[in-house]
Amino acid sequence: MKDSLRLQLERLAMRLAELDASLADPATSADMKRYRTLAKEQAEAAALVALFRQYEQRERDLVAAREMADEPEFAEMAREEAALAQTDLERLHSELQAALLPKDPDDERNAFLEIRAGTGGDESALFAGDLVRMYLRWCERKGFRTEVLSENPSELGGYKEVVLRVEGPGAYGLLRFESGGHRVQRVPATESQGRIHTSAATVAVMPEPDEAEEVQLNPAELRIDTFRASGAGGQHVNKTDSAIRITHLPTGIVAECQDDRSQHRNKAKAMAVLVARLRDKEASERAAKEAATRKSLVGSGDRSDRIRTYNFPQGRLTDHRINLTLYKLGMVMEGDLDDVLAALHAARAAEQLAALEAGEGARA
């Protein structure tokens, strides 16, 4: 184990002692919000320190086994114990590294998934529809609940824009690297000459804001419009102006919801999407500044980043950020995204680990 990693773990052990003392203080118990925050940190630190103590114990066991190997009558047993201790040390070391990687507190949140048609006209809208179906199938596999918050269907099929809410443990963390430009290469259904066309759609994944968080938006900076919902929804949908559109005037960011019959609930959902988009804008600006000094392998999630190509004639999916190519496009379009997502998270973890070992303290 590198000295820098050992030093971090020793500091964490000292921090655990501080947390234990704070939680034993009656004054802390009186402030339940602070108590819950410290208790969560204490539980995480305790698990990690316990793992570190196991590592230290196996280090001592390895030293003892090697010393015992010098005695002929214990040599065979000592070699077996040394081999076992070495195996345990390698496993514990990997677990400690993984546990120390910076975690984004948003990763456990639900997600808003926004898909927009880009260049390519009708074919782009059709491709956006295919992406919507792909993500919905993936959510079904995961047991995640989904709802369409707003949609703008295209006349020939697909979507000009659609916003989905994905509800499930770790939804945002799993989907976060899907943000960016998605390019498709295929022969459109409307192409009579059989020529391959290239079109694109963009995806933005945003964490759903915590309902308990105080949303500081100036009402004077918001324009709220009601309108009649369009699309599927039964007889009721065309009878009342229940759909809501909220515009944040300083930035021009717009969010709408037409999913619910209740105008009040639609307003609450649209406000949540608006807050998520404003937070996403701030995060993108921060990421752009950070990219000037340290380029992230998996990118910033900016829509302008072309992250993936779906080549239908070759049945090929290529993720350009990590040079991943899979010849299972049909399965991916049916929602089998796990190999792609796992590779992206592994690449990000490798980035963070390299930064951790270099003492840079990489952020999630």
Protein backbone atom coordinates (compact mmCIF):
# COMPACT_ATOMS: atom_id res chain seq x y z
CA MET A 1 0.00 0.00 0.00
CA LYS A 2 1.28 3.45 -0.92
CA ASP A 3 2.11 5.83 1.89
CA SER A 4 -0.37 8.43 0.60
CA LEU A 5 -3.23 5.91 0.78
CA ARG A 6 -2.21 4.72 4.24
CA LEU A 7 -2.05 8.33 5.43
CA GLN A 8 -5.61 8.97 4.20
CA LEU A 9 -6.87 5.93 6.07
CA GLU A 10 -5.07 6.96 9.28
CA ARG A 11 -6.67 10.40 9.01
CA LEU A 12 -10.04 8.74 8.54
CA ALA A 13 -9.48 6.73 11.73
CA MET A 14 -8.84 9.99 13.61
CA ARG A 15 -11.95 11.50 12.08
CA LEU A 16 -13.95 8.48 13.25
CA ALA A 17 -12.84 9.11 16.83
CA GLU A 18 -14.01 12.73 16.51
CA LEU A 19 -17.38 11.60 15.14
CA ASP A 20 -17.84 9.10 17.97
CA ALA A 21 -17.23 11.87 20.49
CA SER A 22 -19.60 14.28 18.72
CA LEU A 23 -22.40 11.73 18.57
CA ALA A 24 -22.00 11.02 22.29
CA ASP A 25 -22.47 14.72 23.06
CA PRO A 26 -26.07 15.49 24.20
CA ALA A 27 -25.92 18.80 22.33
CA THR A 28 -25.60 16.90 19.05
CA SER A 29 -28.66 14.79 19.82
CA ALA A 30 -30.66 17.97 20.30
CA ASP A 31 -30.07 18.94 16.67
CA MET A 32 -31.58 16.04 14.72
CA LYS A 33 -30.51 17.29 11.30
CA ARG A 34 -26.87 17.56 12.39
CA TYR A 35 -27.13 14.25 14.26
CA ARG A 36 -28.35 12.41 11.14
CA THR A 37 -25.59 13.94 9.03
CA LEU A 38 -22.88 12.97 11.50
CA ALA A 39 -24.38 9.50 12.04
CA LYS A 40 -24.29 8.82 8.32
CA GLU A 41 -20.66 9.98 8.09
CA GLN A 42 -19.80 7.91 11.17
CA ALA A 43 -21.31 4.73 9.71
CA GLU A 44 -19.40 5.13 6.45
CA ALA A 45 -16.13 5.93 8.23
CA ALA A 46 -16.55 3.03 10.67
CA ALA A 47 -17.00 0.51 7.84
CA LEU A 48 -13.92 1.81 6.06
CA VAL A 49 -11.74 1.91 9.17
CA ALA A 50 -12.81 -1.65 10.03
CA LEU A 51 -11.68 -2.72 6.57
CA PHE A 52 -8.35 -0.92 7.10
CA ARG A 53 -7.83 -2.68 10.45
CA GLN A 54 -8.42 -6.03 8.72
CA TYR A 55 -5.77 -5.05 6.18
CA GLU A 56 -3.29 -4.16 8.92
CA GLN A 57 -3.97 -7.45 10.70
CA ARG A 58 -3.30 -9.45 7.53
CA GLU A 59 -0.08 -7.48 7.06
CA ARG A 60 1.03 -8.63 10.50
CA ASP A 61 -0.05 -12.18 9.68
CA LEU A 62 2.03 -12.12 6.51
CA VAL A 63 5.14 -10.94 8.38
CA ALA A 64 4.65 -13.65 11.01
CA ALA A 65 4.16 -16.35 8.38
CA ARG A 66 7.35 -15.35 6.57
CA GLU A 67 9.31 -15.44 9.82
CA MET A 68 7.89 -18.87 10.65
CA ALA A 69 8.90 -20.17 7.18
CA ASP A 70 12.53 -20.15 8.36
CA GLU A 71 11.71 -23.02 10.74
CA PRO A 72 11.77 -26.34 8.80
CA GLU A 73 8.98 -28.01 10.77
CA PHE A 74 6.58 -25.11 10.06
CA ALA A 75 7.76 -24.19 6.56
CA GLU A 76 4.89 -25.79 4.59
CA MET A 77 2.18 -24.38 6.85
CA ALA A 78 3.85 -20.97 6.82
CA ARG A 79 3.95 -20.87 3.02
CA GLU A 80 0.23 -21.66 2.86
CA GLU A 81 -0.58 -18.97 5.41
CA ALA A 82 1.62 -16.44 3.60
CA ALA A 83 -0.11 -17.16 0.28
CA LEU A 84 -3.54 -16.81 1.91
CA ALA A 85 -2.56 -13.57 3.64
CA GLN A 86 -1.22 -12.16 0.37
CA THR A 87 -4.48 -12.99 -1.40
CA ASP A 88 -6.49 -11.33 1.37
CA LEU A 89 -4.27 -8.24 1.25
CA GLU A 90 -4.82 -7.82 -2.49
CA ARG A 91 -8.60 -8.15 -2.07
CA LEU A 92 -8.74 -5.76 0.89
CA HIS A 93 -6.52 -3.27 -0.92
CA SER A 94 -8.92 -3.21 -3.89
CA GLU A 95 -11.92 -2.81 -1.59
CA LEU A 96 -10.24 0.06 0.27
CA GLN A 97 -9.36 1.85 -2.96
CA ALA A 98 -12.91 1.51 -4.26
CA ALA A 99 -14.37 2.73 -0.96
CA LEU A 100 -12.12 5.80 -0.95
CA LEU A 101 -13.14 6.97 -4.41
CA PRO A 102 -15.03 10.27 -4.25
CA LYS A 103 -18.79 9.81 -4.34
CA ASP A 104 -21.26 12.24 -5.84
CA PRO A 105 -24.12 12.71 -3.34
CA ASP A 106 -26.48 13.04 -6.31
CA ASP A 107 -25.76 9.51 -7.52
CA GLU A 108 -28.50 7.97 -5.36
CA ARG A 109 -31.16 10.37 -6.61
CA ASN A 110 -33.89 9.79 -9.15
CA ALA A 111 -33.17 11.24 -12.58
CA PHE A 112 -34.70 13.39 -15.27
CA LEU A 113 -33.85 12.07 -18.72
CA GLU A 114 -34.24 14.59 -21.53
CA ILE A 115 -33.94 13.50 -25.16
CA ARG A 116 -34.05 15.92 -28.08
CA ALA A 117 -33.89 15.43 -31.81
CA GLY A 118 -30.86 17.12 -33.37
CA THR A 119 -29.57 17.37 -36.91
CA GLY A 120 -31.25 15.10 -39.43
CA GLY A 121 -34.87 16.25 -39.58
CA ASP A 122 -37.50 13.50 -39.39
CA GLU A 123 -34.88 10.76 -39.10
CA SER A 124 -33.43 12.50 -36.04
CA ALA A 125 -36.88 12.54 -34.40
CA LEU A 126 -37.31 8.83 -35.18
CA PHE A 127 -33.91 8.12 -33.64
CA ALA A 128 -34.86 10.15 -30.54
CA GLY A 129 -37.91 7.89 -30.29
CA ASP A 130 -35.67 4.83 -30.54
CA LEU A 131 -33.50 6.17 -27.71
CA VAL A 132 -36.59 6.76 -25.57
CA ARG A 133 -37.66 3.16 -26.15
CA MET A 134 -34.13 1.91 -25.38
CA TYR A 135 -34.02 3.71 -22.04
CA LEU A 136 -37.56 2.64 -21.12
CA ARG A 137 -36.66 -1.00 -21.82
CA TRP A 138 -33.52 -0.62 -19.69
CA CYS A 139 -35.60 0.84 -16.85
CA GLU A 140 -37.98 -2.11 -17.10
CA ARG A 141 -35.04 -4.49 -16.72
CA LYS A 142 -33.90 -2.60 -13.63
CA GLY A 143 -37.37 -2.43 -12.12
CA PHE A 144 -37.28 1.37 -12.24
CA ARG A 145 -40.49 3.37 -12.47
CA THR A 146 -40.75 5.86 -15.34
CA GLU A 147 -43.16 8.60 -16.29
CA VAL A 148 -43.31 10.97 -19.24
CA LEU A 149 -43.35 14.54 -17.89
CA SER A 150 -43.56 16.28 -21.26
CA GLU A 151 -43.37 15.29 -24.89
CA ASN A 152 -43.37 16.93 -28.30
CA PRO A 153 -44.08 14.15 -30.82
CA SER A 154 -42.93 14.37 -34.44
CA GLU A 155 -45.52 14.08 -37.22
CA LEU A 156 -43.83 11.03 -38.78
CA GLY A 157 -43.12 9.35 -35.45
CA GLY A 158 -40.55 9.72 -32.72
CA TYR A 159 -40.04 12.88 -30.73
CA LYS A 160 -38.75 16.37 -31.18
CA GLU A 161 -38.31 16.43 -27.42
CA VAL A 162 -39.33 14.28 -24.46
CA VAL A 163 -38.60 14.45 -20.74
CA LEU A 164 -38.78 11.29 -18.62
CA ARG A 165 -38.59 10.90 -14.87
CA VAL A 166 -36.74 7.77 -13.77
CA GLU A 167 -37.38 6.62 -10.22
CA GLY A 168 -35.20 3.96 -8.65
CA PRO A 169 -32.20 3.50 -6.33
CA GLY A 170 -29.12 5.08 -7.90
CA ALA A 171 -30.95 6.04 -11.11
CA TYR A 172 -28.91 9.20 -11.70
CA GLY A 173 -25.62 7.53 -10.82
CA LEU A 174 -26.25 4.73 -13.30
CA LEU A 175 -27.37 7.00 -16.15
CA ARG A 176 -25.18 10.06 -15.60
CA PHE A 177 -22.70 9.26 -18.37
CA GLU A 178 -25.45 9.09 -21.01
CA SER A 179 -25.44 12.88 -21.32
CA GLY A 180 -24.13 14.12 -24.65
CA GLY A 181 -24.59 13.76 -28.39
CA HIS A 182 -25.75 10.41 -29.79
CA ARG A 183 -25.19 9.83 -33.53
CA VAL A 184 -26.96 7.26 -35.69
CA GLN A 185 -25.90 5.88 -39.07
CA ARG A 186 -28.55 3.91 -40.95
CA VAL A 187 -30.84 3.81 -43.99
CA PRO A 188 -33.98 5.79 -43.08
CA ALA A 189 -37.38 4.24 -43.78
CA THR A 190 -38.08 7.17 -46.11
CA GLU A 191 -34.88 6.62 -48.16
CA SER A 192 -35.73 5.06 -51.53
CA GLN A 193 -32.13 4.83 -52.78
CA GLY A 194 -30.89 2.76 -49.84
CA ARG A 195 -28.32 5.36 -48.84
CA ILE A 196 -26.99 5.52 -45.30
CA HIS A 197 -27.82 8.78 -43.52
CA THR A 198 -26.26 10.26 -40.42
CA SER A 199 -28.39 12.10 -37.89
CA ALA A 200 -28.18 12.88 -34.20
CA ALA A 201 -30.05 13.38 -30.96
CA THR A 202 -28.93 14.76 -27.64
CA VAL A 203 -29.45 13.34 -24.17
CA ALA A 204 -29.25 15.19 -20.87
CA VAL A 205 -29.41 13.35 -17.54
CA MET A 206 -30.09 15.46 -14.45
CA PRO A 207 -30.53 14.50 -10.78
CA GLU A 208 -33.96 15.16 -9.36
CA PRO A 209 -33.70 17.87 -6.69
CA ASP A 210 -34.44 16.86 -3.12
CA GLU A 211 -37.97 17.93 -2.17
CA ALA A 212 -36.66 18.90 1.24
CA GLU A 213 -34.21 21.38 -0.27
CA GLU A 214 -35.23 25.00 -0.21
CA VAL A 215 -35.54 26.14 -3.80
CA GLN A 216 -34.41 29.75 -3.98
CA LEU A 217 -36.08 31.08 -7.11
CA ASN A 218 -37.37 34.62 -7.31
CA PRO A 219 -41.05 34.47 -8.36
CA ALA A 220 -40.52 37.72 -10.28
CA GLU A 221 -38.03 35.89 -12.51
CA LEU A 222 -40.54 33.19 -13.47
CA ARG A 223 -43.23 33.24 -16.14
CA ILE A 224 -45.83 30.54 -15.66
CA ASP A 225 -48.13 29.65 -18.56
CA THR A 226 -50.96 27.14 -18.66
CA PHE A 227 -51.96 25.34 -21.84
CA ARG A 228 -53.95 22.40 -23.04
CA ALA A 229 -51.99 19.14 -23.12
CA SER A 230 -51.52 17.36 -26.42
CA GLY A 231 -51.05 13.73 -27.33
CA ALA A 232 -52.39 10.60 -25.69
CA GLY A 233 -54.25 10.98 -22.44
CA GLY A 234 -57.88 10.07 -22.85
CA GLN A 235 -60.90 12.34 -23.09
CA HIS A 236 -59.93 14.60 -20.20
CA VAL A 237 -56.64 15.76 -21.67
CA ASN A 238 -58.15 18.12 -24.26
CA LYS A 239 -60.77 19.68 -22.00
CA THR A 240 -58.73 21.65 -19.45
CA ASP A 241 -55.64 23.84 -19.46
CA SER A 242 -53.86 21.63 -16.92
CA ALA A 243 -50.42 21.59 -18.56
CA ILE A 244 -47.83 24.00 -17.14
CA ARG A 245 -44.87 25.75 -18.72
CA ILE A 246 -42.42 27.66 -16.51
CA THR A 247 -39.81 30.00 -17.99
CA HIS A 248 -36.83 31.22 -15.96
CA LEU A 249 -36.49 34.70 -17.46
CA PRO A 250 -32.81 35.43 -16.59
CA THR A 251 -31.56 32.29 -18.35
CA GLY A 252 -34.39 31.54 -20.77
CA ILE A 253 -34.53 27.95 -19.47
CA VAL A 254 -37.97 26.43 -19.89
CA ALA A 255 -39.61 23.42 -18.22
CA GLU A 256 -43.07 22.05 -18.74
CA CYS A 257 -45.22 19.18 -17.55
CA GLN A 258 -48.42 17.85 -19.06
CA ASP A 259 -48.43 14.41 -17.48
CA ASP A 260 -50.97 14.90 -14.70
CA ARG A 261 -54.62 16.01 -14.73
CA SER A 262 -53.88 18.25 -11.77
CA GLN A 263 -52.51 21.67 -12.67
CA HIS A 264 -51.02 21.92 -9.18
CA ARG A 265 -49.10 18.64 -9.52
CA ASN A 266 -47.96 19.55 -13.03
CA LYS A 267 -46.64 22.84 -11.69
CA ALA A 268 -44.68 21.04 -8.94
CA LYS A 269 -43.17 18.60 -11.44
CA ALA A 270 -42.31 21.37 -13.92
CA MET A 271 -40.66 23.34 -11.11
CA ALA A 272 -38.56 20.29 -10.18
CA VAL A 273 -37.42 19.93 -13.81
CA LEU A 274 -36.61 23.65 -13.97
CA VAL A 275 -34.50 23.47 -10.81
CA ALA A 276 -32.73 20.39 -12.18
CA ARG A 277 -31.95 22.20 -15.44
CA LEU A 278 -30.63 25.24 -13.59
CA ARG A 279 -28.42 23.02 -11.42
CA ASP A 280 -27.27 21.18 -14.55
CA LYS A 281 -26.34 24.49 -16.18
CA GLU A 282 -24.25 25.47 -13.15
CA ALA A 283 -22.59 22.03 -13.04
CA SER A 284 -21.78 22.20 -16.77
CA GLU A 285 -20.17 25.61 -16.33
CA ARG A 286 -18.06 24.28 -13.44
CA ALA A 287 -17.09 21.22 -15.45
CA ALA A 288 -16.04 23.42 -18.38
CA LYS A 289 -13.72 25.39 -16.09
CA GLU A 290 -12.27 22.21 -14.58
CA ALA A 291 -11.73 20.73 -18.04
CA ALA A 292 -9.28 23.53 -18.76
CA THR A 293 -6.92 22.04 -16.18
CA ARG A 294 -7.85 18.36 -16.12
CA LYS A 295 -9.62 16.62 -19.02
CA SER A 296 -11.98 13.88 -17.88
CA LEU A 297 -11.99 10.73 -19.96
CA VAL A 298 -15.76 10.35 -19.89
CA GLY A 299 -16.33 14.04 -20.60
CA SER A 300 -18.38 16.74 -18.95
CA GLY A 301 -21.78 15.59 -20.16
CA ASP A 302 -22.14 18.62 -22.38
CA ARG A 303 -24.68 18.14 -25.18
CA SER A 304 -22.12 19.26 -27.74
CA ASP A 305 -19.87 16.31 -26.88
CA ARG A 306 -20.42 13.52 -29.40
CA ILE A 307 -20.23 10.53 -27.13
CA ARG A 308 -21.60 7.57 -29.09
CA THR A 309 -22.34 6.26 -32.58
CA TYR A 310 -25.04 3.70 -33.40
CA ASN A 311 -24.16 2.10 -36.76
CA PHE A 312 -27.12 -0.04 -37.83
CA PRO A 313 -25.70 -1.53 -41.08
CA GLN A 314 -22.77 -2.98 -39.09
CA GLY A 315 -24.76 -3.70 -35.93
CA ARG A 316 -22.10 -1.69 -34.10
CA LEU A 317 -22.17 0.64 -31.12
CA THR A 318 -19.10 2.75 -30.42
CA ASP A 319 -18.60 4.90 -27.33
CA HIS A 320 -15.93 7.39 -28.38
CA ARG A 321 -14.96 8.45 -24.87
CA ILE A 322 -13.49 5.10 -23.89
CA ASN A 323 -12.96 3.56 -27.36
CA LEU A 324 -15.53 0.87 -26.61
CA THR A 325 -17.00 -0.99 -29.59
CA LEU A 326 -19.73 -3.62 -29.24
CA TYR A 327 -21.30 -5.60 -32.07
CA LYS A 328 -24.60 -6.12 -30.28
CA LEU A 329 -26.54 -3.04 -31.35
CA GLY A 330 -29.84 -4.90 -31.62
CA MET A 331 -29.60 -6.01 -27.99
CA VAL A 332 -28.57 -2.52 -26.85
CA MET A 333 -31.59 -0.94 -28.56
CA GLU A 334 -33.75 -3.44 -26.65
CA GLY A 335 -32.42 -2.01 -23.39
CA ASP A 336 -29.34 -4.18 -22.81
CA LEU A 337 -27.17 -1.24 -21.75
CA ASP A 338 -25.39 -2.78 -18.79
CA ASP A 339 -22.11 -3.59 -20.60
CA VAL A 340 -21.85 -0.01 -21.86
CA LEU A 341 -22.71 1.58 -18.52
CA ALA A 342 -20.35 -0.74 -16.62
CA ALA A 343 -17.45 0.12 -18.94
CA LEU A 344 -18.06 3.86 -18.49
CA HIS A 345 -18.18 3.57 -14.70
CA ALA A 346 -15.04 1.43 -14.69
CA ALA A 347 -13.23 4.07 -16.78
CA ARG A 348 -14.36 6.80 -14.39
CA ALA A 349 -13.26 4.77 -11.37
CA ALA A 350 -9.83 4.25 -12.97
CA GLU A 351 -9.57 8.02 -13.49
CA GLN A 352 -10.49 8.71 -9.89
CA LEU A 353 -8.10 6.06 -8.61
CA ALA A 354 -5.20 7.51 -10.59
CA ALA A 355 -6.00 10.95 -9.19
CA LEU A 356 -6.36 9.52 -5.68
CA GLU A 357 -2.96 7.86 -5.84
CA ALA A 358 -1.46 11.06 -7.20
CA GLY A 359 -2.97 12.92 -4.24
CA GLU A 360 -5.17 15.11 -6.41
CA GLY A 361 -8.41 14.21 -4.64
CA ALA A 362 -10.42 13.82 -7.83
CA ARG A 363 -14.07 14.70 -7.56
CA ALA A 364 -16.99 12.59 -8.72
